[in-house]
């Protein structure tokens, strides 16, 4: 995440790393549930406004319920555990 890399202060850098780590850990906790259904999720990145970008893979990629899984599952859980998250969006 570019803002953290360009940061002049170590404090800001560690906060951003903590945020990325928190998001990453939640994504990793969701992964087994998606893998059980033949899908997967990859954390692509986090924008400066705290929008989390993920890539749905496998069965999730073409699934009609993927958008609901993304918003009602992944986004809801992420916001619950990491309240600073603005939203979660899927990228190709």
C-alpha atoms as a PDB file:
ATOM      1  CA  UNK A   1       0.000   0.000   0.000  1.00  0.00           C
ATOM      2  CA  UNK A   2       1.736   3.068  -1.342  1.00  0.00           C
ATOM      3  CA  UNK A   3       0.917   5.585   1.398  1.00  0.00           C
ATOM      4  CA  UNK A   4       2.696   3.415   3.944  1.00  0.00           C
ATOM      5  CA  UNK A   5       5.757   3.016   1.740  1.00  0.00           C
ATOM      6  CA  UNK A   6       6.020   6.770   1.153  1.00  0.00           C
ATOM      7  CA  UNK A   7       5.500   7.599   4.828  1.00  0.00           C
ATOM      8  CA  UNK A   8       8.210   9.576   6.618  1.00  0.00           C
ATOM      9  CA  UNK A   9       7.259   8.410  10.104  1.00  0.00           C
ATOM     10  CA  UNK A  10       7.891   4.969  11.470  1.00  0.00           C
ATOM     11  CA  UNK A  11       4.694   5.177  13.530  1.00  0.00           C
ATOM     12  CA  UNK A  12       2.486   5.621  10.490  1.00  0.00           C
ATOM     13  CA  UNK A  13       4.314   2.817   8.725  1.00  0.00           C
ATOM     14  CA  UNK A  14       3.726   0.411  11.615  1.00  0.00           C
ATOM     15  CA  UNK A  15       0.044   1.394  11.878  1.00  0.00           C
ATOM     16  CA  UNK A  16      -0.463   0.737   8.176  1.00  0.00           C
ATOM     17  CA  UNK A  17       1.383  -2.557   8.429  1.00  0.00           C
ATOM     18  CA  UNK A  18      -0.800  -3.503  11.368  1.00  0.00           C
ATOM     19  CA  UNK A  19      -3.902  -2.623   9.338  1.00  0.00           C
ATOM     20  CA  UNK A  20      -2.696  -4.689   6.364  1.00  0.00           C
ATOM     21  CA  UNK A  21      -1.819  -7.565   8.683  1.00  0.00           C
ATOM     22  CA  UNK A  22      -5.238  -7.427  10.364  1.00  0.00           C
ATOM     23  CA  UNK A  23      -7.017  -7.474   6.995  1.00  0.00           C
ATOM     24  CA  UNK A  24      -4.777 -10.274   5.750  1.00  0.00           C
ATOM     25  CA  UNK A  25      -5.495 -12.396   8.830  1.00  0.00           C
ATOM     26  CA  UNK A  26      -9.266 -12.008   8.384  1.00  0.00           C
ATOM     27  CA  UNK A  27      -8.978 -12.936   4.693  1.00  0.00           C
ATOM     28  CA  UNK A  28      -6.921 -15.995   5.685  1.00  0.00           C
ATOM     29  CA  UNK A  29      -9.610 -16.987   8.218  1.00  0.00           C
ATOM     30  CA  UNK A  30     -12.291 -16.815   5.487  1.00  0.00           C
ATOM     31  CA  UNK A  31     -10.249 -18.736   2.915  1.00  0.00           C
ATOM     32  CA  UNK A  32     -10.986 -22.296   4.213  1.00  0.00           C
ATOM     33  CA  UNK A  33     -14.762 -21.725   3.960  1.00  0.00           C
ATOM     34  CA  UNK A  34     -14.443 -20.653   0.332  1.00  0.00           C
ATOM     35  CA  UNK A  35     -12.017 -23.483  -0.436  1.00  0.00           C
ATOM     36  CA  UNK A  36     -14.577 -25.986   0.901  1.00  0.00           C
ATOM     37  CA  UNK A  37     -16.886 -24.819  -1.903  1.00  0.00           C
ATOM     38  CA  UNK A  38     -14.158 -25.024  -4.553  1.00  0.00           C
ATOM     39  CA  UNK A  39     -13.304 -21.322  -4.472  1.00  0.00           C
ATOM     40  CA  UNK A  40     -10.645 -19.092  -3.017  1.00  0.00           C
ATOM     41  CA  UNK A  41      -9.901 -15.457  -2.228  1.00  0.00           C
ATOM     42  CA  UNK A  42      -6.715 -13.456  -2.646  1.00  0.00           C
ATOM     43  CA  UNK A  43      -5.928 -10.114  -1.015  1.00  0.00           C
ATOM     44  CA  UNK A  44      -4.813  -7.915  -3.926  1.00  0.00           C
ATOM     45  CA  UNK A  45      -4.260  -4.682  -2.028  1.00  0.00           C
ATOM     46  CA  UNK A  46      -5.647  -1.868   0.080  1.00  0.00           C
ATOM     47  CA  UNK A  47      -6.292   1.629  -1.244  1.00  0.00           C
ATOM     48  CA  UNK A  48      -5.466   4.796   0.690  1.00  0.00           C
ATOM     49  CA  UNK A  49      -9.152   5.203   1.598  1.00  0.00           C
ATOM     50  CA  UNK A  50      -9.078   1.718   3.209  1.00  0.00           C
ATOM     51  CA  UNK A  51     -10.951   0.023   0.363  1.00  0.00           C
ATOM     52  CA  UNK A  52      -9.858  -3.620   0.362  1.00  0.00           C
ATOM     53  CA  UNK A  53      -9.332  -5.182  -3.083  1.00  0.00           C
ATOM     54  CA  UNK A  54      -9.670  -8.942  -3.386  1.00  0.00           C
ATOM     55  CA  UNK A  55      -9.687 -11.446  -6.221  1.00  0.00           C
ATOM     56  CA  UNK A  56     -12.213 -14.279  -6.093  1.00  0.00           C
ATOM     57  CA  UNK A  57     -10.878 -17.476  -7.638  1.00  0.00           C
ATOM     58  CA  UNK A  58     -11.981 -20.963  -8.596  1.00  0.00           C
ATOM     59  CA  UNK A  59     -15.694 -21.695  -8.209  1.00  0.00           C
ATOM     60  CA  UNK A  60     -16.229 -18.249  -6.646  1.00  0.00           C
ATOM     61  CA  UNK A  61     -15.171 -16.506  -9.837  1.00  0.00           C
ATOM     62  CA  UNK A  62     -18.227 -17.357 -11.905  1.00  0.00           C
ATOM     63  CA  UNK A  63     -20.661 -18.011  -9.070  1.00  0.00           C
ATOM     64  CA  UNK A  64     -23.915 -16.010  -9.171  1.00  0.00           C
ATOM     65  CA  UNK A  65     -23.746 -15.652  -5.375  1.00  0.00           C
ATOM     66  CA  UNK A  66     -20.187 -14.281  -5.384  1.00  0.00           C
ATOM     67  CA  UNK A  67     -21.243 -10.639  -4.968  1.00  0.00           C
ATOM     68  CA  UNK A  68     -23.435 -11.535  -2.002  1.00  0.00           C
ATOM     69  CA  UNK A  69     -20.615 -13.601  -0.484  1.00  0.00           C
ATOM     70  CA  UNK A  70     -18.297 -10.649  -0.983  1.00  0.00           C
ATOM     71  CA  UNK A  71     -20.577  -8.032   0.607  1.00  0.00           C
ATOM     72  CA  UNK A  72     -22.543 -10.029   3.198  1.00  0.00           C
ATOM     73  CA  UNK A  73     -19.727 -12.388   4.121  1.00  0.00           C
ATOM     74  CA  UNK A  74     -16.255 -11.019   3.478  1.00  0.00           C
ATOM     75  CA  UNK A  75     -17.015  -7.291   3.843  1.00  0.00           C
ATOM     76  CA  UNK A  76     -19.255  -7.738   6.890  1.00  0.00           C
ATOM     77  CA  UNK A  77     -16.676  -9.887   8.684  1.00  0.00           C
ATOM     78  CA  UNK A  78     -13.811  -7.556   7.772  1.00  0.00           C
ATOM     79  CA  UNK A  79     -15.678  -4.477   9.024  1.00  0.00           C
ATOM     80  CA  UNK A  80     -16.570  -6.329  12.214  1.00  0.00           C
ATOM     81  CA  UNK A  81     -12.962  -7.251  12.962  1.00  0.00           C
ATOM     82  CA  UNK A  82     -11.226  -4.236  11.359  1.00  0.00           C
ATOM     83  CA  UNK A  83     -13.682  -1.300  11.653  1.00  0.00           C
ATOM     84  CA  UNK A  84     -11.484   1.065   9.583  1.00  0.00           C
ATOM     85  CA  UNK A  85     -12.260  -0.919   6.400  1.00  0.00           C
ATOM     86  CA  UNK A  86     -14.315   1.257   4.042  1.00  0.00           C
ATOM     87  CA  UNK A  87     -15.508  -1.475   1.676  1.00  0.00           C
ATOM     88  CA  UNK A  88     -14.426  -4.637  -0.108  1.00  0.00           C
ATOM     89  CA  UNK A  89     -14.353  -4.787  -3.902  1.00  0.00           C
ATOM     90  CA  UNK A  90     -13.535  -7.636  -6.266  1.00  0.00           C
ATOM     91  CA  UNK A  91     -11.007  -7.158  -9.039  1.00  0.00           C
ATOM     92  CA  UNK A  92     -10.246  -9.454 -11.957  1.00  0.00           C
END
